[in-house]
């Protein structure tokens, strides 16, 4: 058997799974994307011989939003002006921030909680001849101990994720009781042509808090 299903409980205070069509303002999708979910598993364990495939996302907390407006000053004080002012003991160093300010909006998710189901697949054509069971055991051991290669995050590096390995689904809380069409959501990047990776989208449906994202069964688009 070359694959094994693993489940993680992943939570965070803030998250932003940015919609790629929003160029200037950061606006999150309603739920975690399969690519962001895959990145959580890869942050715990990754080797060239393996691949993670997202199969299901369970939403455990109601979708809650928060608006963040950040003032970003577009220009900086020029070093020439600073040097001149130092020499003369006086000069115009103020930035007229109101004229120069760009308001950037961010629509973030807050208090998110997900149960993520993924298959760890061991590539048959791998260079490492070790049996697949070795890789499954390595992930399980690392996940149980809370070890990771780098800190998993929720869409943006500043939004750290708390996570734990789910060992008995029967002991876990149910997903939220919500059903709706989430529209087209980024699934992952297609690296068929490594020089020009293309985004792939899928038609996401949340049914009783569950979003099926197995690329073998969902409606995909390029």
Protein backbone atom coordinates (compact mmCIF):
# COMPACT_ATOMS: atom_id res chain seq x y z
CA UNK A 1 0.00 0.00 0.00
CA UNK A 2 1.53 3.30 -1.10
CA UNK A 3 -0.76 5.73 0.77
CA UNK A 4 -2.11 6.33 4.26
CA UNK A 5 -4.81 8.73 5.51
CA UNK A 6 -3.90 11.19 8.27
CA UNK A 7 -6.08 13.76 10.02
CA UNK A 8 -5.00 16.97 11.78
CA UNK A 9 -6.98 19.34 13.99
CA UNK A 10 -5.75 22.84 13.02
CA UNK A 11 -6.73 26.09 14.74
CA UNK A 12 -5.69 29.72 14.84
CA UNK A 13 -6.69 33.18 16.07
CA UNK A 14 -6.39 34.69 12.57
CA UNK A 15 -6.22 33.42 9.00
CA UNK A 16 -6.14 34.85 5.49
CA UNK A 17 -6.40 32.55 2.47
CA UNK A 18 -6.11 35.34 -0.10
CA UNK A 19 -8.33 35.36 -3.17
CA UNK A 20 -5.93 35.72 -6.12
CA UNK A 21 -8.37 37.95 -8.05
CA UNK A 22 -8.02 40.68 -5.39
CA UNK A 23 -4.87 42.47 -6.51
CA UNK A 24 -4.46 45.28 -3.95
CA UNK A 25 -6.60 44.39 -0.98
CA UNK A 26 -6.20 41.18 0.93
CA UNK A 27 -9.52 39.34 1.04
CA UNK A 28 -9.70 35.81 2.39
CA UNK A 29 -11.73 32.91 1.08
CA UNK A 30 -14.39 31.71 3.54
CA UNK A 31 -12.44 28.52 4.32
CA UNK A 32 -8.90 27.21 4.13
CA UNK A 33 -7.80 26.27 0.60
CA UNK A 34 -6.52 22.75 -0.15
CA UNK A 35 -3.07 24.21 -0.99
CA UNK A 36 -2.88 26.03 2.37
CA UNK A 37 -4.04 22.82 4.10
CA UNK A 38 -1.36 20.80 2.26
CA UNK A 39 1.26 23.32 3.43
CA UNK A 40 0.35 22.54 7.08
CA UNK A 41 1.10 18.82 6.54
CA UNK A 42 4.31 19.64 4.65
CA UNK A 43 5.49 21.92 7.47
CA UNK A 44 5.38 18.87 9.77
CA UNK A 45 6.88 16.32 7.39
CA UNK A 46 8.12 16.39 3.81
CA UNK A 47 10.59 14.38 1.72
CA UNK A 48 11.07 14.27 -2.08
CA UNK A 49 9.78 10.67 -2.06
CA UNK A 50 6.31 11.64 -0.75
CA UNK A 51 3.31 13.72 -1.80
CA UNK A 52 0.40 15.03 0.28
CA UNK A 53 -3.07 14.95 -1.30
CA UNK A 54 -5.91 16.82 0.42
CA UNK A 55 -9.14 14.84 0.54
CA UNK A 56 -11.51 16.61 2.94
CA UNK A 57 -11.79 19.82 4.98
CA UNK A 58 -14.13 19.88 7.98
CA UNK A 59 -15.03 23.33 9.31
CA UNK A 60 -15.29 23.15 13.10
CA UNK A 61 -16.04 26.80 13.94
CA UNK A 62 -18.49 29.28 12.37
CA UNK A 63 -16.96 31.48 9.66
CA UNK A 64 -16.15 34.79 11.37
CA UNK A 65 -14.62 37.87 9.78
CA UNK A 66 -12.67 40.89 10.89
CA UNK A 67 -11.78 44.02 8.95
CA UNK A 68 -8.27 45.36 9.22
CA UNK A 69 -7.23 48.67 7.69
CA UNK A 70 -3.52 49.31 7.58
CA UNK A 71 -2.01 52.65 6.69
CA UNK A 72 1.05 52.09 4.55
CA UNK A 73 3.21 55.08 3.74
CA UNK A 74 4.26 54.85 0.09
CA UNK A 75 7.56 56.78 0.17
CA UNK A 76 10.46 57.10 2.57
CA UNK A 77 12.54 60.07 3.70
CA UNK A 78 15.43 60.38 1.23
CA UNK A 79 18.95 59.90 2.64
CA UNK A 80 20.09 62.99 0.69
CA UNK A 81 17.65 65.16 2.66
CA UNK A 82 18.82 63.58 5.93
CA UNK A 83 22.50 64.25 5.15
CA UNK A 84 21.74 67.85 4.14
CA UNK A 85 19.77 68.48 7.33
CA UNK A 86 22.59 66.99 9.42
CA UNK A 87 25.11 69.30 7.76
CA UNK A 88 22.96 72.42 8.06
CA UNK A 89 21.43 71.60 11.43
CA UNK A 90 18.01 72.15 9.95
CA UNK A 91 15.88 70.93 7.05
CA UNK A 92 12.57 69.49 5.91
CA UNK A 93 12.43 65.84 6.99
CA UNK A 94 8.70 65.44 7.62
CA UNK A 95 6.71 63.08 5.44
CA UNK A 96 3.30 64.49 4.66
CA UNK A 97 1.70 61.17 5.41
CA UNK A 98 -1.83 62.24 4.49
CA UNK A 99 -0.73 63.02 0.94
CA UNK A 100 1.45 59.95 0.77
CA UNK A 101 -0.61 57.37 2.55
CA UNK A 102 -2.10 54.29 0.93
CA UNK A 103 -4.91 52.60 2.79
CA UNK A 104 -4.70 48.85 2.42
CA UNK A 105 -7.68 46.85 3.57
CA UNK A 106 -7.59 43.25 4.71
CA UNK A 107 -10.62 41.08 5.30
CA UNK A 108 -9.40 38.28 7.58
CA UNK A 109 -10.92 35.21 9.19
CA UNK A 110 -10.74 34.95 12.96
CA UNK A 111 -10.89 32.06 15.43
CA UNK A 112 -10.70 29.36 12.78
CA UNK A 113 -10.78 25.62 13.44
CA UNK A 114 -10.52 22.84 10.85
CA UNK A 115 -10.15 19.08 10.69
CA UNK A 116 -7.98 18.30 7.67
CA UNK A 117 -7.90 14.87 6.00
CA UNK A 118 -4.95 14.08 3.71
CA UNK A 119 -3.38 11.03 2.08
CA UNK A 120 0.36 10.64 2.43
CA UNK A 121 1.38 9.02 -0.86
CA UNK A 122 4.80 7.43 -1.36
CA UNK A 123 5.96 7.69 -4.96
CA UNK A 124 6.66 4.27 -6.53
CA UNK A 125 9.49 5.79 -8.63
CA UNK A 126 11.33 7.22 -5.61
CA UNK A 127 15.10 7.04 -5.24
CA UNK A 128 14.76 5.97 -1.57
CA UNK A 129 14.06 2.20 -1.51
CA UNK A 130 12.66 2.29 2.05
CA UNK A 131 9.21 0.69 2.48
CA UNK A 132 6.22 3.11 2.53
CA UNK A 133 5.48 2.16 6.16
CA UNK A 134 8.68 3.90 7.23
CA UNK A 135 7.40 7.25 5.93
CA UNK A 136 3.97 6.79 7.55
CA UNK A 137 5.62 6.02 10.90
CA UNK A 138 7.91 9.05 10.61
CA UNK A 139 4.99 11.43 10.10
CA UNK A 140 2.98 9.86 12.91
CA UNK A 141 5.90 10.09 15.35
CA UNK A 142 6.61 13.73 14.48
CA UNK A 143 2.94 14.75 14.61
CA UNK A 144 2.40 13.04 17.98
CA UNK A 145 5.39 14.88 19.46
CA UNK A 146 4.32 18.23 17.96
CA UNK A 147 7.50 18.46 15.86
CA UNK A 148 7.60 20.41 12.61
CA UNK A 149 10.17 21.45 10.00
CA UNK A 150 8.82 24.99 10.16
CA UNK A 151 5.90 26.57 11.98
CA UNK A 152 2.65 25.84 10.11
CA UNK A 153 0.64 28.96 9.34
CA UNK A 154 -2.83 29.90 8.11
CA UNK A 155 -2.37 31.62 4.76
CA UNK A 156 0.11 34.28 5.98
CA UNK A 157 3.28 33.62 7.94
CA UNK A 158 2.23 35.95 10.74
CA UNK A 159 -0.86 33.78 11.46
CA UNK A 160 0.57 30.74 13.26
CA UNK A 161 -1.44 27.54 13.42
CA UNK A 162 -1.95 25.32 16.47
CA UNK A 163 -2.30 21.68 15.46
CA UNK A 164 -2.55 18.12 16.77
CA UNK A 165 -2.81 14.67 15.26
CA UNK A 166 -6.36 13.25 15.37
CA UNK A 167 -6.11 9.59 16.35
CA UNK A 168 -9.76 8.66 16.99
CA UNK A 169 -12.38 10.48 14.91
CA UNK A 170 -15.18 9.12 17.13
CA UNK A 171 -13.89 11.22 20.03
CA UNK A 172 -13.83 14.45 18.01
CA UNK A 173 -16.48 17.22 17.87
CA UNK A 174 -18.82 17.40 14.83
CA UNK A 175 -18.30 20.03 12.11
CA UNK A 176 -20.53 23.13 12.00
CA UNK A 177 -24.07 22.58 10.78
CA UNK A 178 -23.81 24.77 7.70
CA UNK A 179 -24.43 24.07 4.02
CA UNK A 180 -23.66 26.50 1.20
CA UNK A 181 -22.01 26.89 -2.17
CA UNK A 182 -18.57 28.51 -1.74
CA UNK A 183 -18.06 29.07 -5.47
CA UNK A 184 -14.75 28.57 -7.26
CA UNK A 185 -11.80 28.32 -4.86
CA UNK A 186 -8.10 27.89 -5.55
CA UNK A 187 -7.30 24.17 -5.24
CA UNK A 188 -3.56 24.12 -5.90
CA UNK A 189 -0.89 24.92 -8.45
CA UNK A 190 -0.41 22.59 -11.40
CA UNK A 191 3.33 22.01 -11.92
CA UNK A 192 2.99 19.94 -15.12
CA UNK A 193 5.13 22.65 -16.72
CA UNK A 194 7.57 23.67 -13.92
CA UNK A 195 8.53 26.82 -15.87
CA UNK A 196 4.93 28.04 -15.84
CA UNK A 197 2.86 26.69 -12.94
CA UNK A 198 -0.87 27.26 -13.44
CA UNK A 199 -3.51 27.73 -10.70
CA UNK A 200 -6.30 25.15 -10.64
CA UNK A 201 -9.67 25.93 -9.08
CA UNK A 202 -12.47 23.71 -7.82
CA UNK A 203 -16.17 24.23 -7.21
CA UNK A 204 -16.36 24.12 -3.41
CA UNK A 205 -19.53 23.03 -1.63
CA UNK A 206 -19.84 23.03 2.16
CA UNK A 207 -22.36 20.36 3.18
CA UNK A 208 -22.95 20.03 6.92
CA UNK A 209 -19.61 21.74 7.54
CA UNK A 210 -17.71 19.35 5.24
CA UNK A 211 -15.89 20.47 2.07
CA UNK A 212 -14.84 17.58 -0.16
CA UNK A 213 -11.66 18.54 -2.03
CA UNK A 214 -10.40 15.25 -3.48
CA UNK A 215 -9.29 16.25 -6.98
CA UNK A 216 -10.43 12.84 -8.25
CA UNK A 217 -14.10 13.59 -7.53
CA UNK A 218 -14.65 17.39 -7.41
CA UNK A 219 -15.33 19.65 -10.39
CA UNK A 220 -11.98 21.13 -11.39
CA UNK A 221 -11.13 24.01 -13.70
CA UNK A 222 -7.95 25.65 -15.02
